[in-house]
Amino acid sequence: MVSGQTIAIAGAGSIGCFVGGMLAAGGHRVALLARPRIIAEIEASGLRPTSFEGFDQTVASDRFVLSENPSVFETACIVLVTVKSADTADMADVIAKNAPSDAVIVSLQNGVGNKAVLRERLPGRRVLGGMVPFNVIALGDGRFHRATSGDIVIERDETRTAEKLSVPGLKMRATDNIEGVQWGKLVLNLNNALNALADLPLRRQIGLRPWRRLFADQVAEALAAIAADGIKPVSSTPIPLAWLPSLLCLPDFIFEMLLGRTMKIDPEARSSMWEDLKHGRRTEIDYLQGVITEIAARRDLEAPLSRRIAELIRQAEREGKGSPGLTPEQVRAR
């Protein structure tokens, strides 16, 4: 990292604040483009990234550049985009006007289309795709808690951006197939909506076989649609995606042993979509189940469960009362 240059977080919500906090704790100069509420929290309490693995460090607010003004991008050598997918185009325009032309732009967002949007809106710039496998819970007072395991994956480039961004407690790995990695993450992220509808901690929800069967049926729909589109997703866990529907239907005690060997989940972890419903925010359902239903419709395939779940999430968004706390039977009901 060149002295005086900054890693900028474009849209510092839960993921952005956790990543920014870890980078600052690792010695980097970090700028956060954030909403007033987030800025006020950090100014009052510092930024405190914590992890289910035991990491807990408060980084003083004066270690960051905090602002609502995108001029914080002006000295950035790397810009990490962490806004929701629906806001990608607008953020790209902000970056175009404020970040140096040689800044590396990295998408650390859910979904599979954000890199293409950024590249279209930022012609001539270096834009890299990325994948964040874990979720982060905003606990208030500047604390952002990582609740599941996994390393961030970033598209390989000649300047070794992934290696530059790796710090103790936050490993970033390079890949030559970021598209496959992102599609694999999308398949796993189909459970986000189920967790949001269930109103249960993630570990408890995924530990119950009726919920896993719902997830398994969604995965089967998704894999059929993706295959019809000629896409080859890459699993972000040691378990091949093709095995996932069968493994999800195993008895609870067997699945629990398998889960413990492949993924660590904080007992209080919830999906980001559950958090969006709780706070009355727009979810990313159109960029998860919505992608699968769109492919299925285009390929003349059936994806009734994905369509049903998307409808239930949109209904919960309209009602604005948080998670509806449904049962698996209610989710399946037509």
C-alpha atoms as a PDB file:
ATOM      1  CA  MET A   1       0.000   0.000   0.000  1.00  0.00           C
ATOM      2  CA  VAL A   2       1.371   3.415  -0.967  1.00  0.00           C
ATOM      3  CA  SER A   3       1.809   5.837   1.919  1.00  0.00           C
ATOM      4  CA  GLY A   4      -1.027   8.349   2.136  1.00  0.00           C
ATOM      5  CA  GLN A   5      -3.386   6.241   0.056  1.00  0.00           C
ATOM      6  CA  THR A   6      -6.598   4.779   1.368  1.00  0.00           C
ATOM      7  CA  ILE A   7      -8.792   1.724   1.142  1.00  0.00           C
ATOM      8  CA  ALA A   8     -12.283   3.145   0.755  1.00  0.00           C
ATOM      9  CA  ILE A   9     -15.494   1.337   1.672  1.00  0.00           C
ATOM     10  CA  ALA A  10     -18.281   2.347  -0.705  1.00  0.00           C
ATOM     11  CA  GLY A  11     -21.417   1.939   1.373  1.00  0.00           C
ATOM     12  CA  ALA A  12     -20.363   0.970   4.892  1.00  0.00           C
ATOM     13  CA  GLY A  13     -23.163  -1.186   6.254  1.00  0.00           C
ATOM     14  CA  SER A  14     -22.621  -4.365   8.253  1.00  0.00           C
ATOM     15  CA  ILE A  15     -20.195  -6.085   5.853  1.00  0.00           C
ATOM     16  CA  GLY A  16     -18.438  -2.841   4.951  1.00  0.00           C
ATOM     17  CA  CYS A  17     -17.922  -1.810   8.557  1.00  0.00           C
ATOM     18  CA  PHE A  18     -16.646  -5.234   9.600  1.00  0.00           C
ATOM     19  CA  VAL A  19     -14.212  -5.445   6.673  1.00  0.00           C
ATOM     20  CA  GLY A  20     -13.161  -1.822   7.143  1.00  0.00           C
ATOM     21  CA  GLY A  21     -12.649  -2.364  10.852  1.00  0.00           C
ATOM     22  CA  MET A  22     -10.506  -5.451  10.282  1.00  0.00           C
ATOM     23  CA  LEU A  23      -8.415  -3.648   7.662  1.00  0.00           C
ATOM     24  CA  ALA A  24      -7.869  -0.717  10.024  1.00  0.00           C
ATOM     25  CA  ALA A  25      -6.981  -3.100  12.862  1.00  0.00           C
ATOM     26  CA  GLY A  26      -4.465  -4.638  10.452  1.00  0.00           C
ATOM     27  CA  GLY A  27      -2.751  -1.274   9.927  1.00  0.00           C
ATOM     28  CA  HIS A  28      -4.422   0.079   6.783  1.00  0.00           C
ATOM     29  CA  ARG A  29      -5.747   3.599   6.336  1.00  0.00           C
ATOM     30  CA  VAL A  30      -9.506   3.214   5.787  1.00  0.00           C
ATOM     31  CA  ALA A  31     -12.219   5.611   4.653  1.00  0.00           C
ATOM     32  CA  LEU A  32     -15.884   4.787   5.214  1.00  0.00           C
ATOM     33  CA  LEU A  33     -18.628   6.317   3.085  1.00  0.00           C
ATOM     34  CA  ALA A  34     -21.497   5.739   5.486  1.00  0.00           C
ATOM     35  CA  ARG A  35     -24.885   6.937   6.660  1.00  0.00           C
ATOM     36  CA  PRO A  36     -25.093   9.455   9.543  1.00  0.00           C
ATOM     37  CA  ARG A  37     -26.282   6.790  12.005  1.00  0.00           C
ATOM     38  CA  ILE A  38     -23.231   4.617  11.373  1.00  0.00           C
ATOM     39  CA  ILE A  39     -20.877   7.583  11.533  1.00  0.00           C
ATOM     40  CA  ALA A  40     -22.400   8.691  14.848  1.00  0.00           C
ATOM     41  CA  GLU A  41     -21.971   5.203  16.330  1.00  0.00           C
ATOM     42  CA  ILE A  42     -18.321   4.998  15.335  1.00  0.00           C
ATOM     43  CA  GLU A  43     -17.546   8.526  16.493  1.00  0.00           C
ATOM     44  CA  ALA A  44     -19.115   7.764  19.884  1.00  0.00           C
ATOM     45  CA  SER A  45     -17.775   4.252  20.477  1.00  0.00           C
ATOM     46  CA  GLY A  46     -15.120   3.478  17.871  1.00  0.00           C
ATOM     47  CA  LEU A  47     -15.522   0.647  15.377  1.00  0.00           C
ATOM     48  CA  ARG A  48     -15.491  -2.739  17.053  1.00  0.00           C
ATOM     49  CA  PRO A  49     -15.197  -5.756  14.735  1.00  0.00           C
ATOM     50  CA  THR A  50     -15.768  -9.015  16.602  1.00  0.00           C
ATOM     51  CA  SER A  51     -15.939 -12.640  15.501  1.00  0.00           C
ATOM     52  CA  PHE A  52     -17.358 -15.963  16.660  1.00  0.00           C
ATOM     53  CA  GLU A  53     -13.722 -17.109  16.612  1.00  0.00           C
ATOM     54  CA  GLY A  54     -12.898 -14.744  19.482  1.00  0.00           C
ATOM     55  CA  PHE A  55     -11.502 -11.694  17.696  1.00  0.00           C
ATOM     56  CA  ASP A  56     -12.523  -8.503  19.516  1.00  0.00           C
ATOM     57  CA  GLN A  57     -10.814  -5.161  18.943  1.00  0.00           C
ATOM     58  CA  THR A  58     -12.090  -1.620  19.112  1.00  0.00           C
ATOM     59  CA  VAL A  59     -10.496   0.713  16.578  1.00  0.00           C
ATOM     60  CA  ALA A  60     -10.659   4.399  17.562  1.00  0.00           C
ATOM     61  CA  SER A  61     -12.720   6.645  15.304  1.00  0.00           C
ATOM     62  CA  ASP A  62      -9.711   8.845  14.527  1.00  0.00           C
ATOM     63  CA  ARG A  63      -8.169   5.885  12.687  1.00  0.00           C
ATOM     64  CA  PHE A  64     -10.824   6.298   9.967  1.00  0.00           C
ATOM     65  CA  VAL A  65     -11.952   8.911   7.529  1.00  0.00           C
ATOM     66  CA  LEU A  66     -15.723   8.999   8.158  1.00  0.00           C
ATOM     67  CA  SER A  67     -18.047  10.879   5.853  1.00  0.00           C
ATOM     68  CA  GLU A  68     -21.300  11.010   3.935  1.00  0.00           C
ATOM     69  CA  ASN A  69     -19.371  12.865   1.238  1.00  0.00           C
ATOM     70  CA  PRO A  70     -17.877  10.723  -1.563  1.00  0.00           C
ATOM     71  CA  SER A  71     -14.847  12.998  -1.629  1.00  0.00           C
ATOM     72  CA  VAL A  72     -13.401  10.373   0.770  1.00  0.00           C
ATOM     73  CA  PHE A  73     -12.647   8.358  -2.394  1.00  0.00           C
ATOM     74  CA  GLU A  74     -10.183  10.952  -3.705  1.00  0.00           C
ATOM     75  CA  THR A  75      -7.060   9.300  -2.218  1.00  0.00           C
ATOM     76  CA  ALA A  76      -8.285   5.722  -2.589  1.00  0.00           C
ATOM     77  CA  CYS A  77      -6.062   3.117  -4.205  1.00  0.00           C
ATOM     78  CA  ILE A  78      -8.705   0.421  -3.642  1.00  0.00           C
ATOM     79  CA  VAL A  79     -12.477   0.905  -3.399  1.00  0.00           C
ATOM     80  CA  LEU A  80     -14.468  -1.961  -1.867  1.00  0.00           C
ATOM     81  CA  VAL A  81     -18.096  -1.805  -2.997  1.00  0.00           C
ATOM     82  CA  THR A  82     -20.431  -3.172  -0.311  1.00  0.00           C
ATOM     83  CA  VAL A  83     -23.785  -1.604  -1.195  1.00  0.00           C
ATOM     84  CA  LYS A  84     -26.841  -3.711  -2.004  1.00  0.00           C
ATOM     85  CA  SER A  85     -27.086  -4.888  -5.588  1.00  0.00           C
ATOM     86  CA  ALA A  86     -29.900  -2.471  -6.454  1.00  0.00           C
ATOM     87  CA  ASP A  87     -27.600   0.444  -5.583  1.00  0.00           C
ATOM     88  CA  THR A  88     -24.598  -0.710  -7.627  1.00  0.00           C
ATOM     89  CA  ALA A  89     -25.153   1.500 -10.666  1.00  0.00           C
ATOM     90  CA  ASP A  90     -25.614   4.635  -8.563  1.00  0.00           C
ATOM     91  CA  MET A  91     -22.511   3.872  -6.522  1.00  0.00           C
ATOM     92  CA  ALA A  92     -20.521   3.272  -9.703  1.00  0.00           C
ATOM     93  CA  ASP A  93     -21.415   6.777 -10.860  1.00  0.00           C
ATOM     94  CA  VAL A  94     -20.270   8.186  -7.521  1.00  0.00           C
ATOM     95  CA  ILE A  95     -16.978   6.304  -7.792  1.00  0.00           C
ATOM     96  CA  ALA A  96     -16.475   7.537 -11.380  1.00  0.00           C
ATOM     97  CA  LYS A  97     -16.746  11.152 -10.239  1.00  0.00           C
ATOM     98  CA  ASN A  98     -14.603  10.879  -7.113  1.00  0.00           C
ATOM     99  CA  ALA A  99     -12.082   8.009  -7.148  1.00  0.00           C
ATOM    100  CA  PRO A 100      -8.732   8.148  -8.986  1.00  0.00           C
ATOM    101  CA  SER A 101      -8.822   6.520 -12.405  1.00  0.00           C
ATOM    102  CA  ASP A 102      -6.189   3.966 -11.354  1.00  0.00           C
ATOM    103  CA  ALA A 103      -8.021   2.865  -8.183  1.00  0.00           C
ATOM    104  CA  VAL A 104      -8.889  -0.843  -8.128  1.00  0.00           C
ATOM    105  CA  ILE A 105     -12.638  -1.391  -7.683  1.00  0.00           C
ATOM    106  CA  VAL A 106     -13.662  -4.611  -5.894  1.00  0.00           C
ATOM    107  CA  SER A 107     -17.268  -5.798  -5.581  1.00  0.00           C
ATOM    108  CA  LEU A 108     -17.872  -7.489  -2.213  1.00  0.00           C
ATOM    109  CA  GLN A 109     -21.612  -7.894  -2.791  1.00  0.00           C
ATOM    110  CA  ASN A 110     -24.218 -10.632  -2.958  1.00  0.00           C
ATOM    111  CA  GLY A 111     -25.445 -11.699  -6.361  1.00  0.00           C
ATOM    112  CA  VAL A 112     -23.800 -12.440  -9.682  1.00  0.00           C
ATOM    113  CA  GLY A 113     -24.296  -9.316 -11.791  1.00  0.00           C
ATOM    114  CA  ASN A 114     -22.574  -6.538  -9.881  1.00  0.00           C
ATOM    115  CA  LYS A 115     -19.152  -6.799 -11.518  1.00  0.00           C
ATOM    116  CA  ALA A 116     -20.749  -6.424 -14.945  1.00  0.00           C
ATOM    117  CA  VAL A 117     -22.685  -3.346 -13.815  1.00  0.00           C
ATOM    118  CA  LEU A 118     -19.565  -1.770 -12.344  1.00  0.00           C
ATOM    119  CA  ARG A 119     -17.525  -2.470 -15.474  1.00  0.00           C
ATOM    120  CA  GLU A 120     -20.212  -1.004 -17.711  1.00  0.00           C
ATOM    121  CA  ARG A 121     -20.413   2.181 -15.623  1.00  0.00           C
ATOM    122  CA  LEU A 122     -16.651   2.420 -15.065  1.00  0.00           C
ATOM    123  CA  PRO A 123     -15.096   1.818 -18.508  1.00  0.00           C
ATOM    124  CA  GLY A 124     -11.332   1.605 -18.583  1.00  0.00           C
ATOM    125  CA  ARG A 125     -11.012   0.950 -14.845  1.00  0.00           C
ATOM    126  CA  ARG A 126      -9.835  -2.210 -13.134  1.00  0.00           C
ATOM    127  CA  VAL A 127     -12.939  -3.858 -11.649  1.00  0.00           C
ATOM    128  CA  LEU A 128     -12.684  -7.151  -9.775  1.00  0.00           C
ATOM    129  CA  GLY A 129     -15.405  -9.477  -8.605  1.00  0.00           C
ATOM    130  CA  GLY A 130     -15.434 -10.787  -5.058  1.00  0.00           C
ATOM    131  CA  MET A 131     -17.365 -13.084  -2.747  1.00  0.00           C
ATOM    132  CA  VAL A 132     -17.928 -12.742   1.007  1.00  0.00           C
ATOM    133  CA  PRO A 133     -18.940 -16.133   2.452  1.00  0.00           C
ATOM    134  CA  PHE A 134     -19.797 -15.029   5.979  1.00  0.00           C
ATOM    135  CA  ASN A 135     -22.533 -12.878   7.461  1.00  0.00           C
ATOM    136  CA  VAL A 136     -22.154  -9.963   9.842  1.00  0.00           C
ATOM    137  CA  ILE A 137     -24.586  -8.794  12.500  1.00  0.00           C
ATOM    138  CA  ALA A 138     -24.793  -5.120  13.468  1.00  0.00           C
ATOM    139  CA  LEU A 139     -25.081  -5.138  17.278  1.00  0.00           C
ATOM    140  CA  GLY A 140     -25.058  -1.382  17.874  1.00  0.00           C
ATOM    141  CA  ASP A 141     -22.550   0.977  19.481  1.00  0.00           C
ATOM    142  CA  GLY A 142     -20.128   0.440  16.622  1.00  0.00           C
ATOM    143  CA  ARG A 143     -19.934  -3.343  17.021  1.00  0.00           C
ATOM    144  CA  PHE A 144     -20.115  -5.533  13.914  1.00  0.00           C
ATOM    145  CA  HIS A 145     -19.992  -9.251  14.625  1.00  0.00           C
ATOM    146  CA  ARG A 146     -18.892 -11.898  12.144  1.00  0.00           C
ATOM    147  CA  ALA A 147     -21.126 -14.893  12.801  1.00  0.00           C
ATOM    148  CA  THR A 148     -20.122 -17.548  10.241  1.00  0.00           C
ATOM    149  CA  SER A 149     -16.893 -18.885   8.776  1.00  0.00           C
ATOM    150  CA  GLY A 150     -15.092 -18.661   5.446  1.00  0.00           C
ATOM    151  CA  ASP A 151     -12.500 -16.586   3.566  1.00  0.00           C
ATOM    152  CA  ILE A 152     -13.273 -13.721   1.223  1.00  0.00           C
ATOM    153  CA  VAL A 153     -12.488 -14.627  -2.394  1.00  0.00           C
ATOM    154  CA  ILE A 154     -11.381 -12.001  -4.933  1.00  0.00           C
ATOM    155  CA  GLU A 155     -10.712 -12.253  -8.643  1.00  0.00           C
ATOM    156  CA  ARG A 156      -6.995 -12.692  -9.304  1.00  0.00           C
ATOM    157  CA  ASP A 157      -5.179  -9.714 -10.830  1.00  0.00           C
ATOM    158  CA  GLU A 158      -1.590  -8.824 -11.645  1.00  0.00           C
ATOM    159  CA  THR A 159      -1.288  -6.404  -8.711  1.00  0.00           C
ATOM    160  CA  ARG A 160      -2.227  -9.173  -6.216  1.00  0.00           C
ATOM    161  CA  THR A 161      -5.099  -7.222  -4.699  1.00  0.00           C
ATOM    162  CA  ALA A 162      -6.359 -10.156  -2.619  1.00  0.00           C
ATOM    163  CA  GLU A 163      -2.947 -10.573  -1.006  1.00  0.00           C
ATOM    164  CA  LYS A 164      -2.664  -6.835  -0.286  1.00  0.00           C
ATOM    165  CA  LEU A 165      -6.017  -6.863   1.494  1.00  0.00           C
ATOM    166  CA  SER A 166      -5.388  -9.922   3.682  1.00  0.00           C
ATOM    167  CA  VAL A 167      -4.866  -9.062   7.349  1.00  0.00           C
ATOM    168  CA  PRO A 168      -4.787 -11.159  10.534  1.00  0.00           C
ATOM    169  CA  GLY A 169      -8.305 -12.441  11.176  1.00  0.00           C
ATOM    170  CA  LEU A 170      -9.517 -11.633   7.660  1.00  0.00           C
ATOM    171  CA  LYS A 171      -7.993 -13.755   4.919  1.00  0.00           C
ATOM    172  CA  MET A 172      -8.662 -12.946   1.278  1.00  0.00           C
ATOM    173  CA  ARG A 173      -7.919 -15.554  -1.399  1.00  0.00           C
ATOM    174  CA  ALA A 174      -7.472 -15.061  -5.130  1.00  0.00           C
ATOM    175  CA  THR A 175      -9.347 -17.116  -7.721  1.00  0.00           C
ATOM    176  CA  ASP A 176      -9.251 -17.480 -11.496  1.00  0.00           C
ATOM    177  CA  ASN A 177     -12.986 -18.298 -11.609  1.00  0.00           C
ATOM    178  CA  ILE A 178     -14.831 -15.636  -9.658  1.00  0.00           C
ATOM    179  CA  GLU A 179     -17.999 -16.125 -11.706  1.00  0.00           C
ATOM    180  CA  GLY A 180     -18.238 -19.777 -10.689  1.00  0.00           C
ATOM    181  CA  VAL A 181     -17.535 -18.853  -7.061  1.00  0.00           C
ATOM    182  CA  GLN A 182     -20.270 -16.190  -7.088  1.00  0.00           C
ATOM    183  CA  TRP A 183     -22.816 -18.595  -8.585  1.00  0.00           C
ATOM    184  CA  GLY A 184     -21.934 -21.143  -5.916  1.00  0.00           C
ATOM    185  CA  LYS A 185     -22.482 -18.518  -3.222  1.00  0.00           C
ATOM    186  CA  LEU A 186     -25.827 -17.558  -4.757  1.00  0.00           C
ATOM    187  CA  VAL A 187     -27.017 -21.158  -4.411  1.00  0.00           C
ATOM    188  CA  LEU A 188     -26.073 -21.216  -0.716  1.00  0.00           C
ATOM    189  CA  ASN A 189     -27.592 -17.766  -0.211  1.00  0.00           C
ATOM    190  CA  LEU A 190     -31.016 -19.142  -1.149  1.00  0.00           C
ATOM    191  CA  ASN A 191     -31.312 -20.053   2.533  1.00  0.00           C
ATOM    192  CA  ASN A 192     -31.161 -16.347   3.469  1.00  0.00           C
ATOM    193  CA  ALA A 193     -34.839 -15.964   2.615  1.00  0.00           C
ATOM    194  CA  LEU A 194     -35.835 -19.093   4.541  1.00  0.00           C
ATOM    195  CA  ASN A 195     -34.041 -17.788   7.620  1.00  0.00           C
ATOM    196  CA  ALA A 196     -35.763 -14.443   7.203  1.00  0.00           C
ATOM    197  CA  LEU A 197     -39.174 -16.126   6.991  1.00  0.00           C
ATOM    198  CA  ALA A 198     -38.503 -18.492   9.909  1.00  0.00           C
ATOM    199  CA  ASP A 199     -37.476 -15.858  12.476  1.00  0.00           C
ATOM    200  CA  LEU A 200     -35.031 -18.347  14.002  1.00  0.00           C
ATOM    201  CA  PRO A 201     -31.284 -18.171  14.623  1.00  0.00           C
ATOM    202  CA  LEU A 202     -29.522 -19.544  11.578  1.00  0.00           C
ATOM    203  CA  ARG A 203     -27.932 -22.519  13.320  1.00  0.00           C
ATOM    204  CA  ARG A 204     -31.276 -23.572  14.813  1.00  0.00           C
ATOM    205  CA  GLN A 205     -33.131 -23.141  11.524  1.00  0.00           C
ATOM    206  CA  ILE A 206     -30.611 -25.085   9.439  1.00  0.00           C
ATOM    207  CA  GLY A 207     -30.529 -27.735  12.157  1.00  0.00           C
ATOM    208  CA  LEU A 208     -34.203 -28.590  11.613  1.00  0.00           C
ATOM    209  CA  ARG A 209     -34.871 -31.127   8.881  1.00  0.00           C
ATOM    210  CA  PRO A 210     -38.160 -29.616   7.559  1.00  0.00           C
ATOM    211  CA  TRP A 211     -36.329 -26.325   6.905  1.00  0.00           C
ATOM    212  CA  ARG A 212     -33.414 -28.163   5.309  1.00  0.00           C
ATOM    213  CA  ARG A 213     -35.823 -29.984   2.994  1.00  0.00           C
ATOM    214  CA  LEU A 214     -37.116 -26.614   1.831  1.00  0.00           C
ATOM    215  CA  PHE A 215     -33.564 -25.486   1.242  1.00  0.00           C
ATOM    216  CA  ALA A 216     -32.768 -28.745  -0.570  1.00  0.00           C
ATOM    217  CA  ASP A 217     -35.711 -28.312  -2.937  1.00  0.00           C
ATOM    218  CA  GLN A 218     -34.641 -24.744  -3.690  1.00  0.00           C
ATOM    219  CA  VAL A 219     -31.094 -25.873  -4.392  1.00  0.00           C
ATOM    220  CA  ALA A 220     -32.390 -28.533  -6.780  1.00  0.00           C
ATOM    221  CA  GLU A 221     -34.461 -25.932  -8.641  1.00  0.00           C
ATOM    222  CA  ALA A 222     -31.489 -23.574  -8.791  1.00  0.00           C
ATOM    223  CA  LEU A 223     -28.994 -26.163 -10.013  1.00  0.00           C
ATOM    224  CA  ALA A 224     -31.372 -27.250 -12.783  1.00  0.00           C
ATOM    225  CA  ALA A 225     -31.857 -23.658 -13.929  1.00  0.00           C
ATOM    226  CA  ILE A 226     -28.159 -22.818 -13.734  1.00  0.00           C
ATOM    227  CA  ALA A 227     -27.201 -25.947 -15.670  1.00  0.00           C
ATOM    228  CA  ALA A 228     -29.732 -25.087 -18.383  1.00  0.00           C
ATOM    229  CA  ASP A 229     -27.993 -21.723 -18.723  1.00  0.00           C
ATOM    230  CA  GLY A 230     -24.596 -23.396 -19.132  1.00  0.00           C
ATOM    231  CA  ILE A 231     -23.283 -22.101 -15.793  1.00  0.00           C
ATOM    232  CA  LYS A 232     -20.906 -24.170 -13.657  1.00  0.00           C
ATOM    233  CA  PRO A 233     -21.082 -22.983 -10.029  1.00  0.00           C
ATOM    234  CA  VAL A 234     -18.147 -23.567  -7.685  1.00  0.00           C
ATOM    235  CA  SER A 235     -18.896 -24.599  -4.106  1.00  0.00           C
ATOM    236  CA  SER A 236     -17.516 -22.316  -1.396  1.00  0.00           C
ATOM    237  CA  THR A 237     -17.520 -25.256   1.031  1.00  0.00           C
ATOM    238  CA  PRO A 238     -15.796 -28.664   0.840  1.00  0.00           C
ATOM    239  CA  ILE A 239     -19.157 -30.173  -0.170  1.00  0.00           C
ATOM    240  CA  PRO A 240     -19.888 -30.346  -3.936  1.00  0.00           C
ATOM    241  CA  LEU A 241     -23.084 -28.475  -4.754  1.00  0.00           C
ATOM    242  CA  ALA A 242     -24.512 -31.504  -6.563  1.00  0.00           C
ATOM    243  CA  TRP A 243     -24.457 -33.421  -3.274  1.00  0.00           C
ATOM    244  CA  LEU A 244     -26.157 -30.669  -1.292  1.00  0.00           C
ATOM    245  CA  PRO A 245     -29.852 -31.572  -1.816  1.00  0.00           C
ATOM    246  CA  SER A 246     -29.263 -35.126  -0.580  1.00  0.00           C
ATOM    247  CA  LEU A 247     -27.070 -34.080   2.342  1.00  0.00           C
ATOM    248  CA  LEU A 248     -29.590 -31.481   3.507  1.00  0.00           C
ATOM    249  CA  CYS A 249     -32.199 -34.230   3.863  1.00  0.00           C
ATOM    250  CA  LEU A 250     -30.090 -36.351   6.205  1.00  0.00           C
ATOM    251  CA  PRO A 251     -31.355 -36.918   9.777  1.00  0.00           C
ATOM    252  CA  ASP A 252     -30.600 -34.037  12.129  1.00  0.00           C
ATOM    253  CA  PHE A 253     -27.844 -35.695  14.144  1.00  0.00           C
ATOM    254  CA  ILE A 254     -25.908 -36.770  11.044  1.00  0.00           C
ATOM    255  CA  PHE A 255     -26.278 -33.378   9.410  1.00  0.00           C
ATOM    256  CA  GLU A 256     -25.126 -31.657  12.602  1.00  0.00           C
ATOM    257  CA  MET A 257     -21.876 -33.635  12.555  1.00  0.00           C
ATOM    258  CA  LEU A 258     -21.364 -32.821   8.885  1.00  0.00           C
ATOM    259  CA  LEU A 259     -22.069 -29.113   9.412  1.00  0.00           C
ATOM    260  CA  GLY A 260     -19.610 -28.924  12.283  1.00  0.00           C
ATOM    261  CA  ARG A 261     -16.835 -30.174  10.001  1.00  0.00           C
ATOM    262  CA  THR A 262     -17.520 -27.771   7.127  1.00  0.00           C
ATOM    263  CA  MET A 263     -18.812 -24.518   8.607  1.00  0.00           C
ATOM    264  CA  LYS A 264     -18.813 -22.622  11.896  1.00  0.00           C
ATOM    265  CA  ILE A 265     -21.978 -20.699  12.825  1.00  0.00           C
ATOM    266  CA  ASP A 266     -22.462 -18.434  15.821  1.00  0.00           C
ATOM    267  CA  PRO A 267     -25.529 -19.574  17.847  1.00  0.00           C
ATOM    268  CA  GLU A 268     -27.145 -16.146  17.411  1.00  0.00           C
ATOM    269  CA  ALA A 269     -26.349 -15.668  13.730  1.00  0.00           C
ATOM    270  CA  ARG A 270     -29.193 -14.604  11.429  1.00  0.00           C
ATOM    271  CA  SER A 271     -29.258 -13.915   7.718  1.00  0.00           C
ATOM    272  CA  SER A 272     -28.819 -10.418   6.343  1.00  0.00           C
ATOM    273  CA  MET A 273     -32.290 -10.714   4.803  1.00  0.00           C
ATOM    274  CA  TRP A 274     -33.787 -11.321   8.254  1.00  0.00           C
ATOM    275  CA  GLU A 275     -32.020  -8.156   9.420  1.00  0.00           C
ATOM    276  CA  ASP A 276     -33.354  -6.223   6.412  1.00  0.00           C
ATOM    277  CA  LEU A 277     -36.935  -7.241   7.251  1.00  0.00           C
ATOM    278  CA  LYS A 278     -36.417  -6.360  10.909  1.00  0.00           C
ATOM    279  CA  HIS A 279     -35.312  -2.830  10.027  1.00  0.00           C
ATOM    280  CA  GLY A 280     -37.824  -2.293   7.224  1.00  0.00           C
ATOM    281  CA  ARG A 281     -35.179  -2.238   4.516  1.00  0.00           C
ATOM    282  CA  ARG A 282     -35.412  -3.485   0.952  1.00  0.00           C
ATOM    283  CA  THR A 283     -34.065  -7.029   0.646  1.00  0.00           C
ATOM    284  CA  GLU A 284     -31.996  -8.548  -2.145  1.00  0.00           C
ATOM    285  CA  ILE A 285     -34.602 -11.191  -3.007  1.00  0.00           C
ATOM    286  CA  ASP A 286     -34.613 -10.109  -6.675  1.00  0.00           C
ATOM    287  CA  TYR A 287     -30.888 -10.877  -6.866  1.00  0.00           C
ATOM    288  CA  LEU A 288     -31.194 -14.318  -5.250  1.00  0.00           C
ATOM    289  CA  GLN A 289     -34.463 -16.257  -5.769  1.00  0.00           C
ATOM    290  CA  GLY A 290     -35.356 -13.684  -8.404  1.00  0.00           C
ATOM    291  CA  VAL A 291     -32.371 -14.696 -10.516  1.00  0.00           C
ATOM    292  CA  ILE A 292     -33.367 -18.371 -10.379  1.00  0.00           C
ATOM    293  CA  THR A 293     -37.000 -17.713 -11.320  1.00  0.00           C
ATOM    294  CA  GLU A 294     -35.887 -15.497 -14.213  1.00  0.00           C
ATOM    295  CA  ILE A 295     -33.598 -18.182 -15.634  1.00  0.00           C
ATOM    296  CA  ALA A 296     -36.273 -20.852 -15.128  1.00  0.00           C
ATOM    297  CA  ALA A 297     -38.871 -18.774 -16.979  1.00  0.00           C
ATOM    298  CA  ARG A 298     -36.457 -18.095 -19.836  1.00  0.00           C
ATOM    299  CA  ARG A 299     -35.533 -21.780 -20.102  1.00  0.00           C
ATOM    300  CA  ASP A 300     -39.124 -23.012 -19.773  1.00  0.00           C
ATOM    301  CA  LEU A 301     -38.403 -24.729 -16.445  1.00  0.00           C
ATOM    302  CA  GLU A 302     -40.438 -24.912 -13.261  1.00  0.00           C
ATOM    303  CA  ALA A 303     -39.215 -23.201 -10.090  1.00  0.00           C
ATOM    304  CA  PRO A 304     -42.407 -22.975  -7.994  1.00  0.00           C
ATOM    305  CA  LEU A 305     -40.716 -23.014  -4.598  1.00  0.00           C
ATOM    306  CA  SER A 306     -38.263 -20.239  -5.454  1.00  0.00           C
ATOM    307  CA  ARG A 307     -41.172 -18.194  -6.812  1.00  0.00           C
ATOM    308  CA  ARG A 308     -43.281 -18.836  -3.695  1.00  0.00           C
ATOM    309  CA  ILE A 309     -40.450 -17.815  -1.346  1.00  0.00           C
ATOM    310  CA  ALA A 310     -39.775 -14.647  -3.334  1.00  0.00           C
ATOM    311  CA  GLU A 311     -43.467 -13.745  -3.075  1.00  0.00           C
ATOM    312  CA  LEU A 312     -43.467 -14.294   0.699  1.00  0.00           C
ATOM    313  CA  ILE A 313     -40.425 -12.054   1.164  1.00  0.00           C
ATOM    314  CA  ARG A 314     -41.965  -9.311  -0.967  1.00  0.00           C
ATOM    315  CA  GLN A 315     -45.156  -9.576   1.072  1.00  0.00           C
ATOM    316  CA  ALA A 316     -43.142  -9.211   4.292  1.00  0.00           C
ATOM    317  CA  GLU A 317     -41.401  -6.164   2.795  1.00  0.00           C
ATOM    318  CA  ARG A 318     -44.759  -4.546   2.024  1.00  0.00           C
ATOM    319  CA  GLU A 319     -46.147  -5.262   5.497  1.00  0.00           C
ATOM    320  CA  GLY A 320     -43.079  -3.820   7.198  1.00  0.00           C
ATOM    321  CA  LYS A 321     -43.443  -5.886  10.377  1.00  0.00           C
ATOM    322  CA  GLY A 322     -40.190  -7.824  10.219  1.00  0.00           C
ATOM    323  CA  SER A 323     -40.055 -11.588   9.883  1.00  0.00           C
ATOM    324  CA  PRO A 324     -43.483 -13.252   9.632  1.00  0.00           C
ATOM    325  CA  GLY A 325     -42.215 -16.253  11.649  1.00  0.00           C
ATOM    326  CA  LEU A 326     -43.626 -18.890   9.306  1.00  0.00           C
ATOM    327  CA  THR A 327     -43.398 -22.662   9.606  1.00  0.00           C
ATOM    328  CA  PRO A 328     -41.982 -24.815   6.795  1.00  0.00           C
ATOM    329  CA  GLU A 329     -45.536 -25.972   6.049  1.00  0.00           C
ATOM    330  CA  GLN A 330     -46.702 -22.381   5.677  1.00  0.00           C
ATOM    331  CA  VAL A 331     -43.838 -21.617   3.317  1.00  0.00           C
ATOM    332  CA  ARG A 332     -44.770 -24.589   1.121  1.00  0.00           C
ATOM    333  CA  ALA A 333     -48.506 -23.805   1.131  1.00  0.00           C
ATOM    334  CA  ARG A 334     -49.948 -22.655  -2.170  1.00  0.00           C
END
